[in-house]
């Protein structure tokens, strides 16, 4: 016998993974929840959406808390290391963080 997920559970999962906030002209992508703080004071997150290295990271109150330092682990379930710019990153354990994407596209070199 096969058990199916209820439509509400499927909807909750879809909203959790693909959530995006619009703040003015910026779009915030949900990275994931902070698991712990490493020995080097980096915050380690289980990634739901993979950000680019160098993207700014904000908390639920849209306050900047750091930058994406590294993406590591298996491609099926990666982890993200965030270099904090706040005094006590331990307070953000079990909180959701969001990525503020940097400017998209590469600067084109002008031909002479």
N, C-alpha and C. Protein backbone atom coordinates (compact mmCIF):
# COMPACT_ATOMS: atom_id res chain seq x y z
N UNK A 1 0.83 -1.16 0.00
CA UNK A 1 0.00 0.00 0.00
C UNK A 1 0.89 1.24 0.00
N UNK A 2 0.57 2.20 -0.87
CA UNK A 2 1.36 3.41 -0.99
C UNK A 2 0.68 4.55 -0.26
N UNK A 3 1.48 5.29 0.50
CA UNK A 3 0.94 6.46 1.20
C UNK A 3 1.32 7.69 0.41
N UNK A 4 0.37 8.58 0.25
CA UNK A 4 0.62 9.82 -0.47
C UNK A 4 0.68 10.97 0.51
N UNK A 5 1.49 11.95 0.17
CA UNK A 5 1.54 13.15 0.98
C UNK A 5 0.28 13.96 0.73
N UNK A 6 -0.19 14.58 1.75
CA UNK A 6 -1.37 15.42 1.59
C UNK A 6 -0.99 16.64 0.76
N UNK A 7 -1.97 17.24 0.07
CA UNK A 7 -1.65 18.43 -0.73
C UNK A 7 -1.07 19.57 0.11
N UNK A 8 -1.50 19.68 1.37
CA UNK A 8 -0.98 20.74 2.23
C UNK A 8 0.50 20.54 2.51
N UNK A 9 0.94 19.28 2.75
CA UNK A 9 2.35 19.01 3.00
C UNK A 9 3.19 19.31 1.77
N UNK A 10 2.68 18.95 0.59
CA UNK A 10 3.41 19.24 -0.65
C UNK A 10 3.53 20.74 -0.86
N UNK A 11 2.46 21.47 -0.57
CA UNK A 11 2.48 22.92 -0.72
C UNK A 11 3.46 23.55 0.25
N UNK A 12 3.47 23.09 1.50
CA UNK A 12 4.40 23.62 2.49
C UNK A 12 5.85 23.39 2.06
N UNK A 13 6.15 22.21 1.52
CA UNK A 13 7.51 21.93 1.07
C UNK A 13 7.88 22.82 -0.10
N UNK A 14 6.97 23.01 -1.05
CA UNK A 14 7.24 23.86 -2.20
C UNK A 14 7.47 25.30 -1.76
N UNK A 15 6.69 25.79 -0.82
CA UNK A 15 6.88 27.15 -0.35
C UNK A 15 8.18 27.30 0.42
N UNK A 16 8.55 26.28 1.18
CA UNK A 16 9.76 26.35 2.00
C UNK A 16 11.01 26.41 1.11
N UNK A 17 11.03 25.66 0.03
CA UNK A 17 12.23 25.58 -0.81
C UNK A 17 12.32 26.75 -1.78
N UNK A 18 11.20 27.16 -2.34
CA UNK A 18 11.24 28.16 -3.41
C UNK A 18 10.84 29.55 -2.96
N UNK A 19 10.93 29.82 -1.68
CA UNK A 19 10.49 31.12 -1.18
C UNK A 19 11.45 32.21 -1.62
N UNK A 20 10.90 33.34 -2.01
CA UNK A 20 11.68 34.50 -2.42
C UNK A 20 10.98 35.74 -1.90
N UNK A 21 11.74 36.68 -1.37
CA UNK A 21 11.18 37.93 -0.89
C UNK A 21 11.65 39.04 -1.79
N UNK A 22 10.78 39.98 -2.06
CA UNK A 22 11.16 41.16 -2.82
C UNK A 22 11.24 42.33 -1.86
N UNK A 23 12.40 42.93 -1.80
CA UNK A 23 12.60 44.10 -0.95
C UNK A 23 13.07 45.22 -1.86
N UNK A 24 12.17 46.10 -2.20
CA UNK A 24 12.52 47.15 -3.16
C UNK A 24 12.83 46.52 -4.50
N UNK A 25 14.06 46.65 -4.96
CA UNK A 25 14.46 46.06 -6.22
C UNK A 25 15.27 44.78 -6.02
N UNK A 26 15.54 44.42 -4.75
CA UNK A 26 16.34 43.24 -4.48
C UNK A 26 15.44 42.04 -4.21
N UNK A 27 15.90 40.86 -4.58
CA UNK A 27 15.18 39.62 -4.33
C UNK A 27 16.02 38.79 -3.37
N UNK A 28 15.39 38.28 -2.31
CA UNK A 28 16.09 37.47 -1.32
C UNK A 28 15.74 36.01 -1.54
N UNK A 29 16.76 35.17 -1.66
CA UNK A 29 16.57 33.74 -1.80
C UNK A 29 16.86 33.05 -0.48
N UNK A 30 15.99 32.16 -0.06
CA UNK A 30 16.20 31.44 1.19
C UNK A 30 17.35 30.46 1.02
N UNK A 31 18.37 30.55 1.89
CA UNK A 31 19.49 29.61 1.86
C UNK A 31 19.15 28.39 2.68
N UNK A 32 18.82 28.60 3.94
CA UNK A 32 18.51 27.49 4.83
C UNK A 32 18.68 27.89 6.28
N UNK A 33 18.69 26.88 7.13
CA UNK A 33 18.76 27.08 8.57
C UNK A 33 20.20 26.90 9.05
N UNK A 34 20.62 27.72 10.01
CA UNK A 34 21.98 27.62 10.57
C UNK A 34 22.05 26.39 11.46
N UNK A 35 22.99 25.48 11.16
CA UNK A 35 23.16 24.27 11.95
C UNK A 35 24.05 24.52 13.17
N UNK A 36 25.21 25.12 12.92
CA UNK A 36 26.13 25.40 14.02
C UNK A 36 27.17 26.41 13.56
N UNK A 37 28.03 26.82 14.49
CA UNK A 37 29.14 27.74 14.20
C UNK A 37 30.42 26.93 14.30
N UNK A 38 31.26 27.02 13.28
CA UNK A 38 32.49 26.22 13.23
C UNK A 38 33.57 26.81 14.14
N UNK A 39 34.69 26.13 14.22
CA UNK A 39 35.82 26.60 15.02
C UNK A 39 36.39 27.91 14.49
N UNK A 40 36.28 28.11 13.19
CA UNK A 40 36.77 29.34 12.57
C UNK A 40 35.73 30.45 12.57
N UNK A 41 34.65 30.27 13.37
CA UNK A 41 33.56 31.24 13.53
C UNK A 41 32.71 31.42 12.29
N UNK A 42 32.75 30.48 11.35
CA UNK A 42 31.85 30.51 10.21
C UNK A 42 30.54 29.81 10.57
N UNK A 43 29.42 30.35 10.08
CA UNK A 43 28.13 29.71 10.30
C UNK A 43 27.92 28.66 9.21
N UNK A 44 27.53 27.46 9.60
CA UNK A 44 27.32 26.37 8.65
C UNK A 44 25.82 26.18 8.47
N UNK A 45 25.38 26.18 7.21
CA UNK A 45 23.97 26.03 6.87
C UNK A 45 23.76 24.84 5.97
N UNK A 46 22.65 24.18 6.10
CA UNK A 46 22.22 23.14 5.17
C UNK A 46 21.48 23.87 4.06
N UNK A 47 22.00 23.82 2.84
CA UNK A 47 21.48 24.64 1.75
C UNK A 47 20.20 24.05 1.15
N UNK A 48 19.17 24.89 1.05
CA UNK A 48 17.97 24.54 0.31
C UNK A 48 18.07 25.10 -1.10
N UNK A 49 18.57 26.30 -1.22
CA UNK A 49 18.88 26.94 -2.50
C UNK A 49 20.34 27.36 -2.44
N UNK A 50 21.09 27.09 -3.49
CA UNK A 50 22.53 27.33 -3.46
C UNK A 50 22.83 28.75 -3.91
N UNK A 51 23.44 29.56 -3.03
CA UNK A 51 23.81 30.93 -3.41
C UNK A 51 25.18 30.96 -4.07
N UNK A 52 25.56 32.11 -4.60
CA UNK A 52 26.90 32.30 -5.16
C UNK A 52 27.84 32.74 -4.05
N UNK A 53 29.09 32.38 -4.20
CA UNK A 53 30.10 32.83 -3.24
C UNK A 53 30.24 34.34 -3.37
N UNK A 54 30.22 35.01 -2.23
CA UNK A 54 30.31 36.47 -2.21
C UNK A 54 28.98 37.17 -2.04
N UNK A 55 27.87 36.44 -2.14
CA UNK A 55 26.55 37.05 -1.93
C UNK A 55 26.39 37.48 -0.48
N UNK A 56 25.69 38.57 -0.26
CA UNK A 56 25.39 39.04 1.09
C UNK A 56 24.32 38.13 1.69
N UNK A 57 24.37 37.95 3.01
CA UNK A 57 23.42 37.09 3.72
C UNK A 57 22.69 37.94 4.75
N UNK A 58 21.34 37.76 4.81
CA UNK A 58 20.51 38.51 5.74
C UNK A 58 19.68 37.54 6.58
N UNK A 59 19.23 38.01 7.76
CA UNK A 59 18.38 37.19 8.61
C UNK A 59 16.91 37.50 8.31
N UNK A 60 15.99 36.99 9.16
CA UNK A 60 14.56 37.19 8.92
C UNK A 60 14.16 38.66 9.00
N UNK A 61 14.92 39.45 9.76
CA UNK A 61 14.62 40.88 9.91
C UNK A 61 15.30 41.72 8.83
N UNK A 62 15.87 41.07 7.83
CA UNK A 62 16.55 41.69 6.70
C UNK A 62 17.79 42.48 7.10
N UNK A 63 18.40 42.09 8.22
CA UNK A 63 19.65 42.70 8.67
C UNK A 63 20.80 41.88 8.11
N UNK A 64 21.80 42.54 7.56
CA UNK A 64 22.95 41.84 7.01
C UNK A 64 23.74 41.17 8.12
N UNK A 65 24.02 39.86 7.94
CA UNK A 65 24.75 39.12 8.97
C UNK A 65 26.07 38.56 8.45
N UNK A 66 26.36 38.65 7.16
CA UNK A 66 27.62 38.13 6.65
C UNK A 66 27.60 37.95 5.14
N UNK A 67 28.62 37.20 4.65
CA UNK A 67 28.72 36.89 3.23
C UNK A 67 28.96 35.39 3.05
N UNK A 68 28.55 34.88 1.89
CA UNK A 68 28.77 33.47 1.58
C UNK A 68 30.26 33.26 1.36
N UNK A 69 30.85 32.38 2.15
CA UNK A 69 32.29 32.14 2.11
C UNK A 69 32.63 30.90 1.30
N UNK A 70 31.80 29.84 1.41
CA UNK A 70 32.11 28.58 0.74
C UNK A 70 30.84 27.77 0.58
N UNK A 71 30.81 26.95 -0.47
CA UNK A 71 29.76 25.95 -0.69
C UNK A 71 30.48 24.62 -0.80
N UNK A 72 30.11 23.66 0.04
CA UNK A 72 30.84 22.40 0.08
C UNK A 72 29.89 21.25 0.34
N UNK A 73 30.40 20.04 0.22
CA UNK A 73 29.61 18.84 0.46
C UNK A 73 29.12 18.23 -0.84
N UNK A 74 28.31 17.18 -0.74
CA UNK A 74 27.81 16.52 -1.94
C UNK A 74 26.84 17.42 -2.70
N UNK A 75 26.78 17.25 -4.01
CA UNK A 75 25.91 18.10 -4.81
C UNK A 75 24.44 17.82 -4.55
N UNK A 76 24.11 16.65 -4.05
CA UNK A 76 22.71 16.35 -3.77
C UNK A 76 22.22 17.05 -2.51
N UNK A 77 23.10 17.32 -1.55
CA UNK A 77 22.72 18.05 -0.33
C UNK A 77 23.89 18.89 0.16
N UNK A 78 24.11 20.06 -0.47
CA UNK A 78 25.28 20.87 -0.13
C UNK A 78 25.11 21.65 1.17
N UNK A 79 26.24 22.13 1.67
CA UNK A 79 26.29 22.98 2.85
C UNK A 79 26.90 24.31 2.44
N UNK A 80 26.59 25.35 3.20
CA UNK A 80 27.10 26.68 2.91
C UNK A 80 27.78 27.22 4.16
N UNK A 81 28.98 27.78 3.99
CA UNK A 81 29.68 28.44 5.08
C UNK A 81 29.53 29.95 4.88
N UNK A 82 29.08 30.63 5.94
CA UNK A 82 28.87 32.07 5.90
C UNK A 82 29.85 32.73 6.86
N UNK A 83 30.63 33.69 6.35
CA UNK A 83 31.56 34.46 7.17
C UNK A 83 30.76 35.60 7.81
N UNK A 84 30.57 35.55 9.15
CA UNK A 84 29.71 36.56 9.79
C UNK A 84 30.39 37.91 9.93
N UNK A 85 29.59 38.96 9.90
CA UNK A 85 30.09 40.30 10.19
C UNK A 85 29.40 40.86 11.43
N UNK A 86 28.91 39.96 12.30
CA UNK A 86 28.28 40.36 13.56
C UNK A 86 29.11 39.82 14.70
N UNK A 87 28.89 40.34 15.90
CA UNK A 87 29.71 39.97 17.05
C UNK A 87 29.46 38.55 17.53
N UNK A 88 28.21 38.10 17.62
CA UNK A 88 27.91 36.79 18.18
C UNK A 88 27.07 35.96 17.20
N UNK A 89 27.72 35.21 16.31
CA UNK A 89 26.97 34.40 15.35
C UNK A 89 26.26 33.21 16.00
N UNK A 90 26.61 32.87 17.24
CA UNK A 90 25.96 31.74 17.93
C UNK A 90 24.48 32.01 18.16
N UNK A 91 24.08 33.27 18.19
CA UNK A 91 22.67 33.61 18.41
C UNK A 91 21.80 33.23 17.22
N UNK A 92 22.41 33.03 16.06
CA UNK A 92 21.63 32.72 14.86
C UNK A 92 21.45 31.23 14.60
N UNK A 93 21.93 30.37 15.51
CA UNK A 93 21.73 28.93 15.34
C UNK A 93 20.24 28.64 15.36
N UNK A 94 19.78 27.81 14.43
CA UNK A 94 18.37 27.44 14.21
C UNK A 94 17.53 28.59 13.67
N UNK A 95 18.16 29.60 13.06
CA UNK A 95 17.43 30.68 12.39
C UNK A 95 17.62 30.52 10.89
N UNK A 96 16.67 31.00 10.13
CA UNK A 96 16.72 30.93 8.66
C UNK A 96 17.46 32.16 8.13
N UNK A 97 18.35 31.93 7.16
CA UNK A 97 19.09 33.02 6.53
C UNK A 97 18.74 33.09 5.05
N UNK A 98 18.87 34.29 4.50
CA UNK A 98 18.52 34.55 3.10
C UNK A 98 19.71 35.17 2.38
N UNK A 99 19.83 34.88 1.09
CA UNK A 99 20.91 35.43 0.27
C UNK A 99 20.39 36.62 -0.52
N UNK A 100 21.18 37.69 -0.52
CA UNK A 100 20.90 38.85 -1.35
C UNK A 100 21.85 38.74 -2.53
N UNK A 101 21.36 38.37 -3.71
CA UNK A 101 22.27 38.14 -4.84
C UNK A 101 23.05 39.39 -5.21
N UNK A 102 24.30 39.17 -5.58
CA UNK A 102 25.12 40.28 -6.06
C UNK A 102 24.68 40.62 -7.48
N UNK A 103 25.28 41.63 -8.05
CA UNK A 103 24.89 42.05 -9.40
C UNK A 103 25.06 40.89 -10.37
N UNK A 104 24.02 40.65 -11.16
CA UNK A 104 24.08 39.52 -12.08
C UNK A 104 24.85 39.89 -13.35
N UNK A 105 25.40 38.87 -13.95
CA UNK A 105 26.12 39.09 -15.19
C UNK A 105 27.54 39.54 -14.98
N UNK A 106 28.35 39.25 -15.94
CA UNK A 106 29.75 39.67 -15.88
C UNK A 106 29.91 40.93 -16.69
N UNK A 107 30.85 41.71 -16.29
CA UNK A 107 31.14 42.94 -17.02
C UNK A 107 31.84 42.56 -18.32
N UNK A 108 31.31 43.05 -19.43
CA UNK A 108 31.88 42.75 -20.73
C UNK A 108 33.10 43.66 -20.99
N UNK A 109 34.10 43.09 -21.58
CA UNK A 109 35.28 43.86 -21.93
C UNK A 109 35.04 44.54 -23.27
N UNK A 110 35.34 45.82 -23.33
CA UNK A 110 35.10 46.57 -24.55
C UNK A 110 36.15 46.25 -25.60
N UNK A 111 35.69 46.03 -26.83
CA UNK A 111 36.62 45.78 -27.94
C UNK A 111 37.10 47.10 -28.49
N UNK A 112 38.36 47.11 -28.92
CA UNK A 112 38.95 48.32 -29.48
C UNK A 112 38.92 48.30 -30.97
